[in-house]
């Protein structure tokens, strides 16, 4: 499973990182950075919580 972030939709609320800090990182301006590679085993549910926390629905899991 991989995370995709639509940077045109991300508004920098950082709710994804608040919900799942072990999965989502932020840049210096507070915008979500895409996780490189696959989501580590055991963090799939945290990733889903971060996706659901995004008010713009800028994050998808594939």
PDB file of N, CA and C in Angstrom:
ATOM      1  N   UNK A   1       0.848  -1.160   0.000  1.00  0.00           N
ATOM      2  CA  UNK A   1       0.000   0.000   0.000  1.00  0.00           C
ATOM      3  C   UNK A   1       0.903   1.234   0.000  1.00  0.00           C
ATOM      4  N   UNK A   2       0.541   2.231  -0.848  1.00  0.00           N
ATOM      5  CA  UNK A   2       1.303   3.461  -0.962  1.00  0.00           C
ATOM      6  C   UNK A   2       0.403   4.666  -0.725  1.00  0.00           C
ATOM      7  N   UNK A   3       1.006   5.750  -0.262  1.00  0.00           N
ATOM      8  CA  UNK A   3       0.301   7.007  -0.041  1.00  0.00           C
ATOM      9  C   UNK A   3       0.575   7.935  -1.214  1.00  0.00           C
ATOM     10  N   UNK A   4      -0.489   8.568  -1.713  1.00  0.00           N
ATOM     11  CA  UNK A   4      -0.362   9.600  -2.738  1.00  0.00           C
ATOM     12  C   UNK A   4      -0.995  10.874  -2.197  1.00  0.00           C
ATOM     13  N   UNK A   5      -0.290  11.994  -2.351  1.00  0.00           N
ATOM     14  CA  UNK A   5      -0.809  13.276  -1.883  1.00  0.00           C
ATOM     15  C   UNK A   5      -0.943  14.211  -3.080  1.00  0.00           C
ATOM     16  N   UNK A   6      -2.143  14.733  -3.277  1.00  0.00           N
ATOM     17  CA  UNK A   6      -2.379  15.724  -4.326  1.00  0.00           C
ATOM     18  C   UNK A   6      -1.979  17.076  -3.750  1.00  0.00           C
ATOM     19  N   UNK A   7      -0.799  17.538  -4.120  1.00  0.00           N
ATOM     20  CA  UNK A   7      -0.271  18.775  -3.534  1.00  0.00           C
ATOM     21  C   UNK A   7      -1.085  20.002  -3.923  1.00  0.00           C
ATOM     22  N   UNK A   8      -1.842  19.917  -5.009  1.00  0.00           N
ATOM     23  CA  UNK A   8      -2.697  21.032  -5.395  1.00  0.00           C
ATOM     24  C   UNK A   8      -3.900  21.164  -4.457  1.00  0.00           C
ATOM     25  N   UNK A   9      -4.301  20.062  -3.842  1.00  0.00           N
ATOM     26  CA  UNK A   9      -5.438  20.084  -2.912  1.00  0.00           C
ATOM     27  C   UNK A   9      -5.029  20.315  -1.463  1.00  0.00           C
ATOM     28  N   UNK A  10      -3.813  19.922  -1.086  1.00  0.00           N
ATOM     29  CA  UNK A  10      -3.365  20.038   0.302  1.00  0.00           C
ATOM     30  C   UNK A  10      -3.312  21.505   0.715  1.00  0.00           C
ATOM     31  N   UNK A  11      -3.959  21.821   1.842  1.00  0.00           N
ATOM     32  CA  UNK A  11      -3.992  23.189   2.352  1.00  0.00           C
ATOM     33  C   UNK A  11      -3.101  23.387   3.570  1.00  0.00           C
ATOM     34  N   UNK A  12      -2.401  22.351   3.985  1.00  0.00           N
ATOM     35  CA  UNK A  12      -1.461  22.486   5.088  1.00  0.00           C
ATOM     36  C   UNK A  12      -2.087  22.494   6.472  1.00  0.00           C
ATOM     37  N   UNK A  13      -3.242  21.862   6.638  1.00  0.00           N
ATOM     38  CA  UNK A  13      -3.872  21.797   7.959  1.00  0.00           C
ATOM     39  C   UNK A  13      -3.119  20.873   8.908  1.00  0.00           C
ATOM     40  N   UNK A  14      -2.354  19.938   8.364  1.00  0.00           N
ATOM     41  CA  UNK A  14      -1.532  18.992   9.129  1.00  0.00           C
ATOM     42  C   UNK A  14      -2.355  18.014   9.966  1.00  0.00           C
ATOM     43  N   UNK A  15      -3.591  17.817   9.630  1.00  0.00           N
ATOM     44  CA  UNK A  15      -4.428  16.868  10.375  1.00  0.00           C
ATOM     45  C   UNK A  15      -3.971  15.427  10.155  1.00  0.00           C
ATOM     46  N   UNK A  16      -3.407  15.160   8.978  1.00  0.00           N
ATOM     47  CA  UNK A  16      -2.905  13.810   8.705  1.00  0.00           C
ATOM     48  C   UNK A  16      -1.766  13.477   9.674  1.00  0.00           C
ATOM     49  N   UNK A  17      -0.850  14.414   9.840  1.00  0.00           N
ATOM     50  CA  UNK A  17       0.283  14.191  10.740  1.00  0.00           C
ATOM     51  C   UNK A  17      -0.159  14.141  12.197  1.00  0.00           C
ATOM     52  N   UNK A  18      -1.188  14.896  12.545  1.00  0.00           N
ATOM     53  CA  UNK A  18      -1.703  14.845  13.912  1.00  0.00           C
ATOM     54  C   UNK A  18      -2.346  13.494  14.198  1.00  0.00           C
ATOM     55  N   UNK A  19      -3.031  12.938  13.194  1.00  0.00           N
ATOM     56  CA  UNK A  19      -3.704  11.650  13.363  1.00  0.00           C
ATOM     57  C   UNK A  19      -2.740  10.478  13.292  1.00  0.00           C
ATOM     58  N   UNK A  20      -1.689  10.608  12.489  1.00  0.00           N
ATOM     59  CA  UNK A  20      -0.756   9.492  12.290  1.00  0.00           C
ATOM     60  C   UNK A  20       0.671  10.016  12.099  1.00  0.00           C
ATOM     61  N   UNK A  21       1.274  10.535  13.161  1.00  0.00           N
ATOM     62  CA  UNK A  21       2.622  11.119  13.040  1.00  0.00           C
ATOM     63  C   UNK A  21       3.692  10.114  12.635  1.00  0.00           C
ATOM     64  N   UNK A  22       3.435   8.842  12.859  1.00  0.00           N
ATOM     65  CA  UNK A  22       4.415   7.830  12.477  1.00  0.00           C
ATOM     66  C   UNK A  22       4.393   7.545  10.984  1.00  0.00           C
ATOM     67  N   UNK A  23       3.380   8.062  10.281  1.00  0.00           N
ATOM     68  CA  UNK A  23       3.243   7.821   8.845  1.00  0.00           C
ATOM     69  C   UNK A  23       3.472   9.098   8.033  1.00  0.00           C
ATOM     70  N   UNK A  24       2.943  10.230   8.505  1.00  0.00           N
ATOM     71  CA  UNK A  24       2.977  11.471   7.733  1.00  0.00           C
ATOM     72  C   UNK A  24       4.012  12.443   8.283  1.00  0.00           C
ATOM     73  N   UNK A  25       4.802  12.998   7.371  1.00  0.00           N
ATOM     74  CA  UNK A  25       5.757  14.041   7.718  1.00  0.00           C
ATOM     75  C   UNK A  25       5.297  15.327   7.050  1.00  0.00           C
ATOM     76  N   UNK A  26       5.739  16.455   7.596  1.00  0.00           N
ATOM     77  CA  UNK A  26       5.375  17.755   7.052  1.00  0.00           C
ATOM     78  C   UNK A  26       6.626  18.494   6.597  1.00  0.00           C
ATOM     79  N   UNK A  27       6.446  19.340   5.584  1.00  0.00           N
ATOM     80  CA  UNK A  27       7.567  20.178   5.175  1.00  0.00           C
ATOM     81  C   UNK A  27       7.639  21.390   6.104  1.00  0.00           C
ATOM     82  N   UNK A  28       8.548  22.294   5.851  1.00  0.00           N
ATOM     83  CA  UNK A  28       8.741  23.447   6.727  1.00  0.00           C
ATOM     84  C   UNK A  28       7.538  24.389   6.761  1.00  0.00           C
ATOM     85  N   UNK A  29       6.680  24.304   5.757  1.00  0.00           N
ATOM     86  CA  UNK A  29       5.485  25.145   5.696  1.00  0.00           C
ATOM     87  C   UNK A  29       4.244  24.453   6.250  1.00  0.00           C
ATOM     88  N   UNK A  30       4.378  23.190   6.678  1.00  0.00           N
ATOM     89  CA  UNK A  30       3.259  22.457   7.253  1.00  0.00           C
ATOM     90  C   UNK A  30       2.469  21.623   6.275  1.00  0.00           C
ATOM     91  N   UNK A  31       2.970  21.471   5.057  1.00  0.00           N
ATOM     92  CA  UNK A  31       2.290  20.652   4.057  1.00  0.00           C
ATOM     93  C   UNK A  31       2.791  19.216   4.137  1.00  0.00           C
ATOM     94  N   UNK A  32       1.894  18.282   3.882  1.00  0.00           N
ATOM     95  CA  UNK A  32       2.237  16.865   3.970  1.00  0.00           C
ATOM     96  C   UNK A  32       3.216  16.473   2.875  1.00  0.00           C
ATOM     97  N   UNK A  33       4.163  15.638   3.254  1.00  0.00           N
ATOM     98  CA  UNK A  33       5.128  15.084   2.311  1.00  0.00           C
ATOM     99  C   UNK A  33       4.751  13.630   2.044  1.00  0.00           C
ATOM    100  N   UNK A  34       4.835  13.202   0.796  1.00  0.00           N
ATOM    101  CA  UNK A  34       4.506  11.801   0.506  1.00  0.00           C
ATOM    102  C   UNK A  34       5.544  10.860   1.099  1.00  0.00           C
ATOM    103  N   UNK A  35       5.077   9.767   1.631  1.00  0.00           N
ATOM    104  CA  UNK A  35       5.947   8.725   2.164  1.00  0.00           C
ATOM    105  C   UNK A  35       6.564   7.981   1.002  1.00  0.00           C
ATOM    106  N   UNK A  36       7.866   7.850   1.021  1.00  0.00           N
ATOM    107  CA  UNK A  36       8.545   7.125  -0.047  1.00  0.00           C
ATOM    108  C   UNK A  36       8.337   5.626   0.137  1.00  0.00           C
ATOM    109  N   UNK A  37       7.970   4.936  -0.921  1.00  0.00           N
ATOM    110  CA  UNK A  37       7.806   3.492  -0.864  1.00  0.00           C
ATOM    111  C   UNK A  37       6.503   3.063  -0.229  1.00  0.00           C
ATOM    112  N   UNK A  38       6.508   1.827   0.209  1.00  0.00           N
ATOM    113  CA  UNK A  38       5.316   1.208   0.802  1.00  0.00           C
ATOM    114  C   UNK A  38       5.149   1.622   2.267  1.00  0.00           C
ATOM    115  N   UNK A  39       3.904   1.612   2.722  1.00  0.00           N
ATOM    116  CA  UNK A  39       3.623   1.860   4.139  1.00  0.00           C
ATOM    117  C   UNK A  39       4.180   0.673   4.926  1.00  0.00           C
ATOM    118  N   UNK A  40       4.965   0.920   5.959  1.00  0.00           N
ATOM    119  CA  UNK A  40       5.531  -0.185   6.740  1.00  0.00           C
ATOM    120  C   UNK A  40       4.444  -1.066   7.362  1.00  0.00           C
ATOM    121  N   UNK A  41       4.738  -2.340   7.473  1.00  0.00           N
ATOM    122  CA  UNK A  41       3.808  -3.288   8.085  1.00  0.00           C
ATOM    123  C   UNK A  41       3.411  -2.817   9.474  1.00  0.00           C
ATOM    124  N   UNK A  42       2.143  -2.926   9.768  1.00  0.00           N
ATOM    125  CA  UNK A  42       1.633  -2.529  11.073  1.00  0.00           C
ATOM    126  C   UNK A  42       1.172  -1.079  11.143  1.00  0.00           C
ATOM    127  N   UNK A  43       1.444  -0.288  10.096  1.00  0.00           N
ATOM    128  CA  UNK A  43       1.041   1.120  10.110  1.00  0.00           C
ATOM    129  C   UNK A  43      -0.091   1.420   9.120  1.00  0.00           C
ATOM    130  N   UNK A  44      -0.677   0.382   8.559  1.00  0.00           N
ATOM    131  CA  UNK A  44      -1.740   0.566   7.580  1.00  0.00           C
ATOM    132  C   UNK A  44      -2.949   1.288   8.181  1.00  0.00           C
ATOM    133  N   UNK A  45      -3.363   0.885   9.371  1.00  0.00           N
ATOM    134  CA  UNK A  45      -4.522   1.509  10.014  1.00  0.00           C
ATOM    135  C   UNK A  45      -4.230   2.971  10.350  1.00  0.00           C
ATOM    136  N   UNK A  46      -3.031   3.273  10.818  1.00  0.00           N
ATOM    137  CA  UNK A  46      -2.647   4.663  11.095  1.00  0.00           C
ATOM    138  C   UNK A  46      -2.700   5.478   9.807  1.00  0.00           C
ATOM    139  N   UNK A  47      -2.242   4.908   8.703  1.00  0.00           N
ATOM    140  CA  UNK A  47      -2.292   5.605   7.414  1.00  0.00           C
ATOM    141  C   UNK A  47      -3.739   5.912   7.030  1.00  0.00           C
ATOM    142  N   UNK A  48      -4.628   4.964   7.223  1.00  0.00           N
ATOM    143  CA  UNK A  48      -6.050   5.184   6.921  1.00  0.00           C
ATOM    144  C   UNK A  48      -6.625   6.311   7.784  1.00  0.00           C
ATOM    145  N   UNK A  49      -6.238   6.365   9.044  1.00  0.00           N
ATOM    146  CA  UNK A  49      -6.715   7.427   9.935  1.00  0.00           C
ATOM    147  C   UNK A  49      -6.227   8.784   9.459  1.00  0.00           C
ATOM    148  N   UNK A  50      -4.990   8.855   9.020  1.00  0.00           N
ATOM    149  CA  UNK A  50      -4.456  10.107   8.483  1.00  0.00           C
ATOM    150  C   UNK A  50      -5.180  10.537   7.222  1.00  0.00           C
ATOM    151  N   UNK A  51      -5.483   9.589   6.360  1.00  0.00           N
ATOM    152  CA  UNK A  51      -6.230   9.882   5.136  1.00  0.00           C
ATOM    153  C   UNK A  51      -7.603  10.437   5.490  1.00  0.00           C
ATOM    154  N   UNK A  52      -8.295   9.813   6.409  1.00  0.00           N
ATOM    155  CA  UNK A  52      -9.641  10.245   6.802  1.00  0.00           C
ATOM    156  C   UNK A  52      -9.637  11.608   7.496  1.00  0.00           C
ATOM    157  N   UNK A  53      -8.512  11.992   8.080  1.00  0.00           N
ATOM    158  CA  UNK A  53      -8.428  13.268   8.789  1.00  0.00           C
ATOM    159  C   UNK A  53      -8.266  14.457   7.845  1.00  0.00           C
ATOM    160  N   UNK A  54      -7.941  14.202   6.588  1.00  0.00           N
ATOM    161  CA  UNK A  54      -7.695  15.283   5.631  1.00  0.00           C
ATOM    162  C   UNK A  54      -9.022  15.906   5.180  1.00  0.00           C
ATOM    163  N   UNK A  55      -9.271  17.190   5.503  1.00  0.00           N
ATOM    164  CA  UNK A  55     -10.548  17.811   5.123  1.00  0.00           C
ATOM    165  C   UNK A  55     -10.669  18.029   3.614  1.00  0.00           C
ATOM    166  N   UNK A  56      -9.556  18.113   2.903  1.00  0.00           N
ATOM    167  CA  UNK A  56      -9.589  18.325   1.457  1.00  0.00           C
ATOM    168  C   UNK A  56      -9.630  17.031   0.668  1.00  0.00           C
ATOM    169  N   UNK A  57      -9.457  15.907   1.345  1.00  0.00           N
ATOM    170  CA  UNK A  57      -9.368  14.590   0.697  1.00  0.00           C
ATOM    171  C   UNK A  57      -8.233  14.577  -0.340  1.00  0.00           C
ATOM    172  N   UNK A  58      -7.103  15.169   0.063  1.00  0.00           N
ATOM    173  CA  UNK A  58      -5.940  15.277  -0.816  1.00  0.00           C
ATOM    174  C   UNK A  58      -5.068  14.021  -0.770  1.00  0.00           C
ATOM    175  N   UNK A  59      -5.366  13.103   0.133  1.00  0.00           N
ATOM    176  CA  UNK A  59      -4.519  11.916   0.328  1.00  0.00           C
ATOM    177  C   UNK A  59      -5.302  10.668  -0.065  1.00  0.00           C
ATOM    178  N   UNK A  60      -4.639   9.807  -0.823  1.00  0.00           N
ATOM    179  CA  UNK A  60      -5.244   8.530  -1.189  1.00  0.00           C
ATOM    180  C   UNK A  60      -4.273   7.401  -0.911  1.00  0.00           C
ATOM    181  N   UNK A  61      -4.833   6.229  -0.697  1.00  0.00           N
ATOM    182  CA  UNK A  61      -4.041   5.007  -0.519  1.00  0.00           C
ATOM    183  C   UNK A  61      -4.252   4.129  -1.735  1.00  0.00           C
ATOM    184  N   UNK A  62      -3.181   3.558  -2.213  1.00  0.00           N
ATOM    185  CA  UNK A  62      -3.284   2.668  -3.373  1.00  0.00           C
ATOM    186  C   UNK A  62      -2.603   1.377  -3.062  1.00  0.00           C
TER     187      UNK A  62
END
